[in-house]
């Protein structure tokens, strides 16, 4: 069952590779037709978990762009009930900057706007995008729990958190998922115990930038070991890196970004790639160099 992942302890099952939809809406984004085509290719190949956020946009004037795009694409394909759309709140985009805002009023407003953008009565997975150091973490959590109790949110997740912050949150409420940056060259959450802690508590760990973003993607292509393994398995270095993550735990659900059909199709094939124990160990050593 390498191809399936459960969301937390919810019983909801998803393909082990999701779609990080951010590249479809930020600076340098493709036109709408190409964005729709990427989502269509993802769904056609069996993908059923899409990650977004209200701030995946050009700036504050464009808030909700990614959510609206995804909703329109899924409506057009007639698969809204077959794909989970996970979104986030807790940031702003003044002038295109990324600014944390965990104020309870802004979180509530953000959630309400996301409900409208997605045209839904309840968001299946709503994630706190980042913890605001200017706001008591408990106040942010209280707002999200209230929104859940009101029926606006089904499950809660956190993003960009430390093990200590996750433990603090768990004392207050159930957390279904944690979304942090993690890839072959950024292994902080392996070292600090967060990934193991999530496994023990049945929390889904969602690595974003699972191939390292644009710069990481370039580095993967230039790394001799990745080139060797790509030749051995007849797969891209990108796919090798995703397969490595999938081998690290049944609770790990990577969400590679894509703005091209070929990229998301290649990512989804990582689910079928079984790396040998020897090659996984070699990749482990590479990451430590």
C-alpha atoms as a PDB file:
ATOM      1  CA  UNK A   1       0.000   0.000   0.000  1.00  0.00           C
ATOM      2  CA  UNK A   2       2.897   2.344  -0.682  1.00  0.00           C
ATOM      3  CA  UNK A   3       0.624   4.328  -2.972  1.00  0.00           C
ATOM      4  CA  UNK A   4      -1.861   5.215  -0.211  1.00  0.00           C
ATOM      5  CA  UNK A   5      -1.615   7.547   2.764  1.00  0.00           C
ATOM      6  CA  UNK A   6      -4.100   8.105   5.599  1.00  0.00           C
ATOM      7  CA  UNK A   7      -4.703  11.673   6.712  1.00  0.00           C
ATOM      8  CA  UNK A   8      -3.763  11.583  10.372  1.00  0.00           C
ATOM      9  CA  UNK A   9      -6.055   9.186  12.209  1.00  0.00           C
ATOM     10  CA  UNK A  10      -9.140  10.181  10.210  1.00  0.00           C
ATOM     11  CA  UNK A  11      -9.635   7.095   8.054  1.00  0.00           C
ATOM     12  CA  UNK A  12      -9.439   9.303   4.935  1.00  0.00           C
ATOM     13  CA  UNK A  13      -7.078   7.775   2.376  1.00  0.00           C
ATOM     14  CA  UNK A  14      -5.181   9.580  -0.390  1.00  0.00           C
ATOM     15  CA  UNK A  15      -2.627   8.854  -3.078  1.00  0.00           C
ATOM     16  CA  UNK A  16       0.858   9.196  -1.596  1.00  0.00           C
ATOM     17  CA  UNK A  17       1.813  12.112  -3.851  1.00  0.00           C
ATOM     18  CA  UNK A  18      -0.262  15.281  -3.686  1.00  0.00           C
ATOM     19  CA  UNK A  19      -0.123  18.447  -5.759  1.00  0.00           C
ATOM     20  CA  UNK A  20       1.390  21.617  -4.317  1.00  0.00           C
ATOM     21  CA  UNK A  21      -0.610  24.153  -6.319  1.00  0.00           C
ATOM     22  CA  UNK A  22       1.294  27.318  -5.347  1.00  0.00           C
ATOM     23  CA  UNK A  23       3.272  27.639  -8.646  1.00  0.00           C
ATOM     24  CA  UNK A  24      -0.021  27.984 -10.517  1.00  0.00           C
ATOM     25  CA  UNK A  25      -0.792  31.338  -8.888  1.00  0.00           C
ATOM     26  CA  UNK A  26       2.335  33.222  -7.806  1.00  0.00           C
ATOM     27  CA  UNK A  27       4.720  35.356  -9.868  1.00  0.00           C
ATOM     28  CA  UNK A  28       5.691  33.583 -13.087  1.00  0.00           C
ATOM     29  CA  UNK A  29       2.489  31.553 -13.071  1.00  0.00           C
ATOM     30  CA  UNK A  30       1.239  29.836 -16.219  1.00  0.00           C
ATOM     31  CA  UNK A  31      -1.859  31.004 -18.040  1.00  0.00           C
ATOM     32  CA  UNK A  32      -5.195  29.630 -16.870  1.00  0.00           C
ATOM     33  CA  UNK A  33      -5.451  27.028 -19.627  1.00  0.00           C
ATOM     34  CA  UNK A  34      -2.097  25.509 -18.695  1.00  0.00           C
ATOM     35  CA  UNK A  35      -2.922  25.628 -14.974  1.00  0.00           C
ATOM     36  CA  UNK A  36      -6.178  23.771 -15.643  1.00  0.00           C
ATOM     37  CA  UNK A  37      -4.267  21.227 -17.742  1.00  0.00           C
ATOM     38  CA  UNK A  38      -1.844  20.543 -14.862  1.00  0.00           C
ATOM     39  CA  UNK A  39      -4.735  19.900 -12.459  1.00  0.00           C
ATOM     40  CA  UNK A  40      -6.479  17.739 -15.051  1.00  0.00           C
ATOM     41  CA  UNK A  41      -3.329  15.637 -15.569  1.00  0.00           C
ATOM     42  CA  UNK A  42      -2.923  15.215 -11.805  1.00  0.00           C
ATOM     43  CA  UNK A  43      -6.496  13.996 -11.383  1.00  0.00           C
ATOM     44  CA  UNK A  44      -6.375  11.824 -14.504  1.00  0.00           C
ATOM     45  CA  UNK A  45      -3.347   9.985 -13.097  1.00  0.00           C
ATOM     46  CA  UNK A  46      -5.158   9.312  -9.817  1.00  0.00           C
ATOM     47  CA  UNK A  47      -4.098  12.291  -7.689  1.00  0.00           C
ATOM     48  CA  UNK A  48      -6.679  13.278  -5.089  1.00  0.00           C
ATOM     49  CA  UNK A  49      -4.970  15.629  -2.589  1.00  0.00           C
ATOM     50  CA  UNK A  50      -4.290  19.254  -3.563  1.00  0.00           C
ATOM     51  CA  UNK A  51      -2.639  21.753  -1.229  1.00  0.00           C
ATOM     52  CA  UNK A  52      -3.353  25.466  -1.554  1.00  0.00           C
ATOM     53  CA  UNK A  53      -3.592  28.643   0.545  1.00  0.00           C
ATOM     54  CA  UNK A  54      -5.519  31.890   0.342  1.00  0.00           C
ATOM     55  CA  UNK A  55      -2.213  33.753  -0.145  1.00  0.00           C
ATOM     56  CA  UNK A  56      -1.081  31.774  -3.180  1.00  0.00           C
ATOM     57  CA  UNK A  57      -1.544  34.854  -5.303  1.00  0.00           C
ATOM     58  CA  UNK A  58       0.422  37.808  -6.656  1.00  0.00           C
ATOM     59  CA  UNK A  59      -0.418  40.093  -3.718  1.00  0.00           C
ATOM     60  CA  UNK A  60      -3.227  41.089  -1.348  1.00  0.00           C
ATOM     61  CA  UNK A  61      -5.376  42.262  -4.283  1.00  0.00           C
ATOM     62  CA  UNK A  62      -5.213  38.763  -5.752  1.00  0.00           C
ATOM     63  CA  UNK A  63      -5.984  36.804  -2.558  1.00  0.00           C
ATOM     64  CA  UNK A  64      -7.801  33.528  -3.181  1.00  0.00           C
ATOM     65  CA  UNK A  65      -6.535  33.153  -6.776  1.00  0.00           C
ATOM     66  CA  UNK A  66      -5.237  29.611  -6.282  1.00  0.00           C
ATOM     67  CA  UNK A  67      -8.325  28.457  -4.394  1.00  0.00           C
ATOM     68  CA  UNK A  68     -10.653  29.798  -7.095  1.00  0.00           C
ATOM     69  CA  UNK A  69      -8.519  28.264  -9.839  1.00  0.00           C
ATOM     70  CA  UNK A  70      -8.582  24.817  -8.220  1.00  0.00           C
ATOM     71  CA  UNK A  71     -12.318  24.977  -7.571  1.00  0.00           C
ATOM     72  CA  UNK A  72     -13.049  25.998 -11.159  1.00  0.00           C
ATOM     73  CA  UNK A  73     -10.817  23.233 -12.537  1.00  0.00           C
ATOM     74  CA  UNK A  74     -12.362  20.537 -10.325  1.00  0.00           C
ATOM     75  CA  UNK A  75     -15.860  21.759 -11.192  1.00  0.00           C
ATOM     76  CA  UNK A  76     -15.013  21.641 -14.893  1.00  0.00           C
ATOM     77  CA  UNK A  77     -13.712  18.087 -14.488  1.00  0.00           C
ATOM     78  CA  UNK A  78     -16.691  17.067 -12.362  1.00  0.00           C
ATOM     79  CA  UNK A  79     -14.495  15.663  -9.574  1.00  0.00           C
ATOM     80  CA  UNK A  80     -14.948  18.081  -6.664  1.00  0.00           C
ATOM     81  CA  UNK A  81     -16.226  15.290  -4.437  1.00  0.00           C
ATOM     82  CA  UNK A  82     -13.278  13.026  -5.311  1.00  0.00           C
ATOM     83  CA  UNK A  83     -10.385  15.393  -4.496  1.00  0.00           C
ATOM     84  CA  UNK A  84      -9.520  16.881  -1.108  1.00  0.00           C
ATOM     85  CA  UNK A  85      -8.452  20.517  -1.248  1.00  0.00           C
ATOM     86  CA  UNK A  86      -6.425  21.490   1.815  1.00  0.00           C
ATOM     87  CA  UNK A  87      -5.932  25.207   2.366  1.00  0.00           C
ATOM     88  CA  UNK A  88      -4.313  27.539   4.894  1.00  0.00           C
ATOM     89  CA  UNK A  89      -4.691  30.845   6.678  1.00  0.00           C
ATOM     90  CA  UNK A  90      -2.404  33.052   8.713  1.00  0.00           C
ATOM     91  CA  UNK A  91      -0.416  35.064   6.155  1.00  0.00           C
ATOM     92  CA  UNK A  92      -0.884  38.268   4.167  1.00  0.00           C
ATOM     93  CA  UNK A  93       0.638  39.406   0.843  1.00  0.00           C
ATOM     94  CA  UNK A  94       1.174  43.211   1.047  1.00  0.00           C
ATOM     95  CA  UNK A  95       2.905  44.273  -2.160  1.00  0.00           C
ATOM     96  CA  UNK A  96       3.698  40.625  -2.879  1.00  0.00           C
ATOM     97  CA  UNK A  97       5.585  40.110   0.408  1.00  0.00           C
ATOM     98  CA  UNK A  98       4.890  37.144   2.701  1.00  0.00           C
ATOM     99  CA  UNK A  99       3.843  38.463   6.130  1.00  0.00           C
ATOM    100  CA  UNK A 100       2.686  36.283   9.045  1.00  0.00           C
ATOM    101  CA  UNK A 101      -0.595  37.320  10.677  1.00  0.00           C
ATOM    102  CA  UNK A 102      -2.068  34.922  13.217  1.00  0.00           C
ATOM    103  CA  UNK A 103      -4.523  37.449  14.661  1.00  0.00           C
ATOM    104  CA  UNK A 104      -7.815  35.690  15.479  1.00  0.00           C
ATOM    105  CA  UNK A 105      -9.883  38.205  13.478  1.00  0.00           C
ATOM    106  CA  UNK A 106      -7.697  37.726  10.395  1.00  0.00           C
ATOM    107  CA  UNK A 107      -7.782  33.932  10.729  1.00  0.00           C
ATOM    108  CA  UNK A 108     -11.576  33.957  10.890  1.00  0.00           C
ATOM    109  CA  UNK A 109     -11.795  36.346   7.946  1.00  0.00           C
ATOM    110  CA  UNK A 110      -9.316  34.225   5.972  1.00  0.00           C
ATOM    111  CA  UNK A 111     -11.287  31.043   6.598  1.00  0.00           C
ATOM    112  CA  UNK A 112     -14.544  32.719   5.560  1.00  0.00           C
ATOM    113  CA  UNK A 113     -12.935  33.991   2.353  1.00  0.00           C
ATOM    114  CA  UNK A 114     -11.535  30.504   1.625  1.00  0.00           C
ATOM    115  CA  UNK A 115     -14.995  28.983   2.078  1.00  0.00           C
ATOM    116  CA  UNK A 116     -16.282  31.462  -0.505  1.00  0.00           C
ATOM    117  CA  UNK A 117     -13.376  30.935  -2.922  1.00  0.00           C
ATOM    118  CA  UNK A 118     -13.758  27.156  -2.744  1.00  0.00           C
ATOM    119  CA  UNK A 119     -17.562  27.427  -2.739  1.00  0.00           C
ATOM    120  CA  UNK A 120     -17.937  24.965   0.084  1.00  0.00           C
ATOM    121  CA  UNK A 121     -19.617  24.867   3.490  1.00  0.00           C
ATOM    122  CA  UNK A 122     -16.714  23.040   5.141  1.00  0.00           C
ATOM    123  CA  UNK A 123     -12.977  22.915   4.430  1.00  0.00           C
ATOM    124  CA  UNK A 124     -11.719  19.338   4.802  1.00  0.00           C
ATOM    125  CA  UNK A 125      -8.231  20.300   6.043  1.00  0.00           C
ATOM    126  CA  UNK A 126      -7.472  23.835   7.200  1.00  0.00           C
ATOM    127  CA  UNK A 127      -3.879  24.579   8.205  1.00  0.00           C
ATOM    128  CA  UNK A 128      -2.357  27.414  10.206  1.00  0.00           C
ATOM    129  CA  UNK A 129       0.161  28.663   7.634  1.00  0.00           C
ATOM    130  CA  UNK A 130       2.719  29.805  10.224  1.00  0.00           C
ATOM    131  CA  UNK A 131       2.836  30.719  13.897  1.00  0.00           C
ATOM    132  CA  UNK A 132       2.801  34.459  14.496  1.00  0.00           C
ATOM    133  CA  UNK A 133       5.371  35.412  17.164  1.00  0.00           C
ATOM    134  CA  UNK A 134       3.345  38.572  17.891  1.00  0.00           C
ATOM    135  CA  UNK A 135       0.211  36.593  18.779  1.00  0.00           C
ATOM    136  CA  UNK A 136      -0.237  34.053  21.569  1.00  0.00           C
ATOM    137  CA  UNK A 137      -0.242  30.683  19.784  1.00  0.00           C
ATOM    138  CA  UNK A 138      -3.159  29.553  21.945  1.00  0.00           C
ATOM    139  CA  UNK A 139      -5.304  32.436  20.696  1.00  0.00           C
ATOM    140  CA  UNK A 140      -4.697  31.397  17.082  1.00  0.00           C
ATOM    141  CA  UNK A 141      -5.537  27.796  17.940  1.00  0.00           C
ATOM    142  CA  UNK A 142      -8.689  28.798  19.817  1.00  0.00           C
ATOM    143  CA  UNK A 143      -9.961  30.550  16.703  1.00  0.00           C
ATOM    144  CA  UNK A 144      -9.332  27.514  14.510  1.00  0.00           C
ATOM    145  CA  UNK A 145     -10.969  25.186  17.035  1.00  0.00           C
ATOM    146  CA  UNK A 146     -13.996  27.505  17.182  1.00  0.00           C
ATOM    147  CA  UNK A 147     -14.239  27.461  13.371  1.00  0.00           C
ATOM    148  CA  UNK A 148     -14.083  23.660  13.505  1.00  0.00           C
ATOM    149  CA  UNK A 149     -16.799  23.497  16.162  1.00  0.00           C
ATOM    150  CA  UNK A 150     -18.957  25.790  14.014  1.00  0.00           C
ATOM    151  CA  UNK A 151     -18.676  23.298  11.152  1.00  0.00           C
ATOM    152  CA  UNK A 152     -16.483  25.417   8.874  1.00  0.00           C
ATOM    153  CA  UNK A 153     -13.469  23.088   9.197  1.00  0.00           C
ATOM    154  CA  UNK A 154     -13.388  19.284   9.328  1.00  0.00           C
ATOM    155  CA  UNK A 155      -9.733  18.693  10.295  1.00  0.00           C
ATOM    156  CA  UNK A 156      -6.942  20.984  11.531  1.00  0.00           C
ATOM    157  CA  UNK A 157      -3.321  21.056  10.438  1.00  0.00           C
ATOM    158  CA  UNK A 158      -0.217  23.114  11.197  1.00  0.00           C
ATOM    159  CA  UNK A 159       2.523  24.390   8.920  1.00  0.00           C
ATOM    160  CA  UNK A 160       6.060  25.627   9.537  1.00  0.00           C
ATOM    161  CA  UNK A 161       6.176  24.400  13.136  1.00  0.00           C
ATOM    162  CA  UNK A 162       8.785  22.971  15.504  1.00  0.00           C
ATOM    163  CA  UNK A 163       8.349  19.771  17.547  1.00  0.00           C
ATOM    164  CA  UNK A 164       7.768  21.905  20.648  1.00  0.00           C
ATOM    165  CA  UNK A 165       5.040  23.919  18.959  1.00  0.00           C
ATOM    166  CA  UNK A 166       3.328  20.757  17.758  1.00  0.00           C
ATOM    167  CA  UNK A 167       3.371  19.323  21.281  1.00  0.00           C
ATOM    168  CA  UNK A 168       1.917  22.579  22.593  1.00  0.00           C
ATOM    169  CA  UNK A 169      -0.901  22.395  20.046  1.00  0.00           C
ATOM    170  CA  UNK A 170      -1.654  18.752  20.831  1.00  0.00           C
ATOM    171  CA  UNK A 171      -2.283  19.653  24.456  1.00  0.00           C
ATOM    172  CA  UNK A 172      -5.115  21.829  23.183  1.00  0.00           C
ATOM    173  CA  UNK A 173      -6.639  20.043  20.171  1.00  0.00           C
ATOM    174  CA  UNK A 174      -6.315  17.184  17.677  1.00  0.00           C
ATOM    175  CA  UNK A 175      -3.903  17.901  14.811  1.00  0.00           C
ATOM    176  CA  UNK A 176      -4.276  15.831  11.630  1.00  0.00           C
ATOM    177  CA  UNK A 177      -1.217  17.019   9.732  1.00  0.00           C
ATOM    178  CA  UNK A 178       2.017  18.982   9.808  1.00  0.00           C
ATOM    179  CA  UNK A 179       3.325  20.648   6.658  1.00  0.00           C
ATOM    180  CA  UNK A 180       6.985  21.708   6.752  1.00  0.00           C
ATOM    181  CA  UNK A 181       9.757  22.161   4.231  1.00  0.00           C
ATOM    182  CA  UNK A 182      11.619  18.882   3.828  1.00  0.00           C
ATOM    183  CA  UNK A 183      13.647  17.227   1.077  1.00  0.00           C
ATOM    184  CA  UNK A 184      16.832  15.289   0.427  1.00  0.00           C
ATOM    185  CA  UNK A 185      18.957  18.356   1.187  1.00  0.00           C
ATOM    186  CA  UNK A 186      16.821  19.838   3.985  1.00  0.00           C
ATOM    187  CA  UNK A 187      16.470  17.181   6.658  1.00  0.00           C
ATOM    188  CA  UNK A 188      15.872  19.317   9.749  1.00  0.00           C
ATOM    189  CA  UNK A 189      12.697  17.462  10.690  1.00  0.00           C
ATOM    190  CA  UNK A 190      14.465  14.114  10.505  1.00  0.00           C
ATOM    191  CA  UNK A 191      17.175  15.421  12.836  1.00  0.00           C
ATOM    192  CA  UNK A 192      14.917  17.178  15.355  1.00  0.00           C
ATOM    193  CA  UNK A 193      12.600  14.187  15.749  1.00  0.00           C
ATOM    194  CA  UNK A 194       9.483  15.800  14.296  1.00  0.00           C
ATOM    195  CA  UNK A 195       8.945  13.191  11.580  1.00  0.00           C
ATOM    196  CA  UNK A 196       9.281  10.327  14.058  1.00  0.00           C
ATOM    197  CA  UNK A 197       6.999  12.136  16.514  1.00  0.00           C
ATOM    198  CA  UNK A 198       4.350  12.543  13.807  1.00  0.00           C
ATOM    199  CA  UNK A 199       4.569   8.829  13.030  1.00  0.00           C
ATOM    200  CA  UNK A 200       4.136   7.911  16.688  1.00  0.00           C
ATOM    201  CA  UNK A 201       1.117  10.212  17.071  1.00  0.00           C
ATOM    202  CA  UNK A 202      -0.462   9.225  13.726  1.00  0.00           C
ATOM    203  CA  UNK A 203      -0.106  12.700  12.276  1.00  0.00           C
ATOM    204  CA  UNK A 204       0.443  13.004   8.527  1.00  0.00           C
ATOM    205  CA  UNK A 205       3.705  14.734   7.657  1.00  0.00           C
ATOM    206  CA  UNK A 206       3.374  16.775   4.446  1.00  0.00           C
ATOM    207  CA  UNK A 207       6.754  17.826   3.012  1.00  0.00           C
ATOM    208  CA  UNK A 208       6.552  20.939   0.871  1.00  0.00           C
ATOM    209  CA  UNK A 209       9.368  21.729  -1.579  1.00  0.00           C
ATOM    210  CA  UNK A 210      10.039  17.956  -1.532  1.00  0.00           C
ATOM    211  CA  UNK A 211      12.580  18.281  -4.335  1.00  0.00           C
ATOM    212  CA  UNK A 212      13.972  21.528  -2.936  1.00  0.00           C
ATOM    213  CA  UNK A 213      12.101  24.109  -4.992  1.00  0.00           C
ATOM    214  CA  UNK A 214      13.696  25.535  -8.141  1.00  0.00           C
ATOM    215  CA  UNK A 215      17.264  25.626  -6.783  1.00  0.00           C
ATOM    216  CA  UNK A 216      16.956  22.161  -5.299  1.00  0.00           C
ATOM    217  CA  UNK A 217      15.627  20.833  -8.587  1.00  0.00           C
ATOM    218  CA  UNK A 218      18.738  22.154 -10.336  1.00  0.00           C
ATOM    219  CA  UNK A 219      20.980  20.650  -7.648  1.00  0.00           C
ATOM    220  CA  UNK A 220      19.303  17.262  -8.031  1.00  0.00           C
ATOM    221  CA  UNK A 221      20.044  17.258 -11.739  1.00  0.00           C
ATOM    222  CA  UNK A 222      23.720  18.032 -11.131  1.00  0.00           C
ATOM    223  CA  UNK A 223      24.350  15.579  -8.281  1.00  0.00           C
ATOM    224  CA  UNK A 224      26.379  12.549  -9.540  1.00  0.00           C
ATOM    225  CA  UNK A 225      24.631  10.028  -7.255  1.00  0.00           C
ATOM    226  CA  UNK A 226      21.202  11.180  -8.439  1.00  0.00           C
ATOM    227  CA  UNK A 227      22.384  10.951 -12.045  1.00  0.00           C
ATOM    228  CA  UNK A 228      23.600   7.396 -11.442  1.00  0.00           C
ATOM    229  CA  UNK A 229      20.342   6.338  -9.785  1.00  0.00           C
ATOM    230  CA  UNK A 230      18.298   8.051 -12.486  1.00  0.00           C
ATOM    231  CA  UNK A 231      20.094   5.945 -15.082  1.00  0.00           C
ATOM    232  CA  UNK A 232      19.740   2.769 -13.012  1.00  0.00           C
ATOM    233  CA  UNK A 233      15.993   3.155 -12.432  1.00  0.00           C
ATOM    234  CA  UNK A 234      15.211   4.894 -15.730  1.00  0.00           C
ATOM    235  CA  UNK A 235      13.679   7.756 -13.768  1.00  0.00           C
ATOM    236  CA  UNK A 236      14.327  11.463 -13.303  1.00  0.00           C
ATOM    237  CA  UNK A 237      16.429  12.676 -10.330  1.00  0.00           C
ATOM    238  CA  UNK A 238      13.240  14.485  -9.231  1.00  0.00           C
ATOM    239  CA  UNK A 239      11.387  11.146  -9.075  1.00  0.00           C
ATOM    240  CA  UNK A 240      14.260   9.497  -7.183  1.00  0.00           C
ATOM    241  CA  UNK A 241      14.138  12.243  -4.536  1.00  0.00           C
ATOM    242  CA  UNK A 242      10.375  11.838  -4.075  1.00  0.00           C
ATOM    243  CA  UNK A 243      10.660   8.049  -3.856  1.00  0.00           C
ATOM    244  CA  UNK A 244      13.321   8.473  -1.138  1.00  0.00           C
ATOM    245  CA  UNK A 245      10.871  10.545   0.915  1.00  0.00           C
ATOM    246  CA  UNK A 246       8.073   8.007   0.438  1.00  0.00           C
ATOM    247  CA  UNK A 247      10.381   5.248   1.722  1.00  0.00           C
ATOM    248  CA  UNK A 248      10.879   7.228   4.963  1.00  0.00           C
ATOM    249  CA  UNK A 249       7.424   6.574   6.374  1.00  0.00           C
ATOM    250  CA  UNK A 250       3.873   5.581   5.536  1.00  0.00           C
ATOM    251  CA  UNK A 251       2.720   8.841   7.153  1.00  0.00           C
ATOM    252  CA  UNK A 252       4.651  11.038   4.692  1.00  0.00           C
ATOM    253  CA  UNK A 253       2.652  12.678   1.877  1.00  0.00           C
ATOM    254  CA  UNK A 254       4.863  14.897  -0.327  1.00  0.00           C
ATOM    255  CA  UNK A 255       3.255  17.726  -2.298  1.00  0.00           C
ATOM    256  CA  UNK A 256       5.582  18.615  -5.190  1.00  0.00           C
ATOM    257  CA  UNK A 257       4.689  21.798  -7.001  1.00  0.00           C
ATOM    258  CA  UNK A 258       4.075  21.799 -10.730  1.00  0.00           C
ATOM    259  CA  UNK A 259       3.318  24.289 -13.451  1.00  0.00           C
ATOM    260  CA  UNK A 260       3.804  21.802 -16.317  1.00  0.00           C
ATOM    261  CA  UNK A 261       1.913  18.600 -17.110  1.00  0.00           C
ATOM    262  CA  UNK A 262       5.149  16.630 -17.511  1.00  0.00           C
ATOM    263  CA  UNK A 263       6.294  17.621 -14.002  1.00  0.00           C
ATOM    264  CA  UNK A 264       3.244  16.363 -12.126  1.00  0.00           C
ATOM    265  CA  UNK A 265       3.062  13.174 -14.181  1.00  0.00           C
ATOM    266  CA  UNK A 266       6.703  12.464 -13.380  1.00  0.00           C
ATOM    267  CA  UNK A 267       6.089  13.146  -9.680  1.00  0.00           C
ATOM    268  CA  UNK A 268       3.165  10.740  -9.480  1.00  0.00           C
ATOM    269  CA  UNK A 269       5.324   7.937 -10.906  1.00  0.00           C
ATOM    270  CA  UNK A 270       7.469   8.121  -7.753  1.00  0.00           C
ATOM    271  CA  UNK A 271       4.786   5.992  -6.078  1.00  0.00           C
ATOM    272  CA  UNK A 272       5.777   3.065  -8.319  1.00  0.00           C
ATOM    273  CA  UNK A 273       9.521   3.426  -7.771  1.00  0.00           C
ATOM    274  CA  UNK A 274      10.965   0.959  -5.276  1.00  0.00           C
ATOM    275  CA  UNK A 275      14.481   1.956  -4.301  1.00  0.00           C
ATOM    276  CA  UNK A 276      16.800  -0.713  -2.918  1.00  0.00           C
ATOM    277  CA  UNK A 277      17.895  -0.516   0.722  1.00  0.00           C
ATOM    278  CA  UNK A 278      21.442   0.065  -0.512  1.00  0.00           C
ATOM    279  CA  UNK A 279      20.405   3.025  -2.644  1.00  0.00           C
ATOM    280  CA  UNK A 280      18.297   4.516   0.148  1.00  0.00           C
ATOM    281  CA  UNK A 281      21.351   4.293   2.424  1.00  0.00           C
ATOM    282  CA  UNK A 282      23.475   5.997  -0.233  1.00  0.00           C
ATOM    283  CA  UNK A 283      20.923   8.814  -0.478  1.00  0.00           C
ATOM    284  CA  UNK A 284      20.922   9.074   3.327  1.00  0.00           C
ATOM    285  CA  UNK A 285      24.681   9.535   3.314  1.00  0.00           C
ATOM    286  CA  UNK A 286      24.437  12.108   0.527  1.00  0.00           C
ATOM    287  CA  UNK A 287      22.012  14.175   2.553  1.00  0.00           C
ATOM    288  CA  UNK A 288      24.460  14.242   5.472  1.00  0.00           C
ATOM    289  CA  UNK A 289      27.394  15.568   3.439  1.00  0.00           C
END
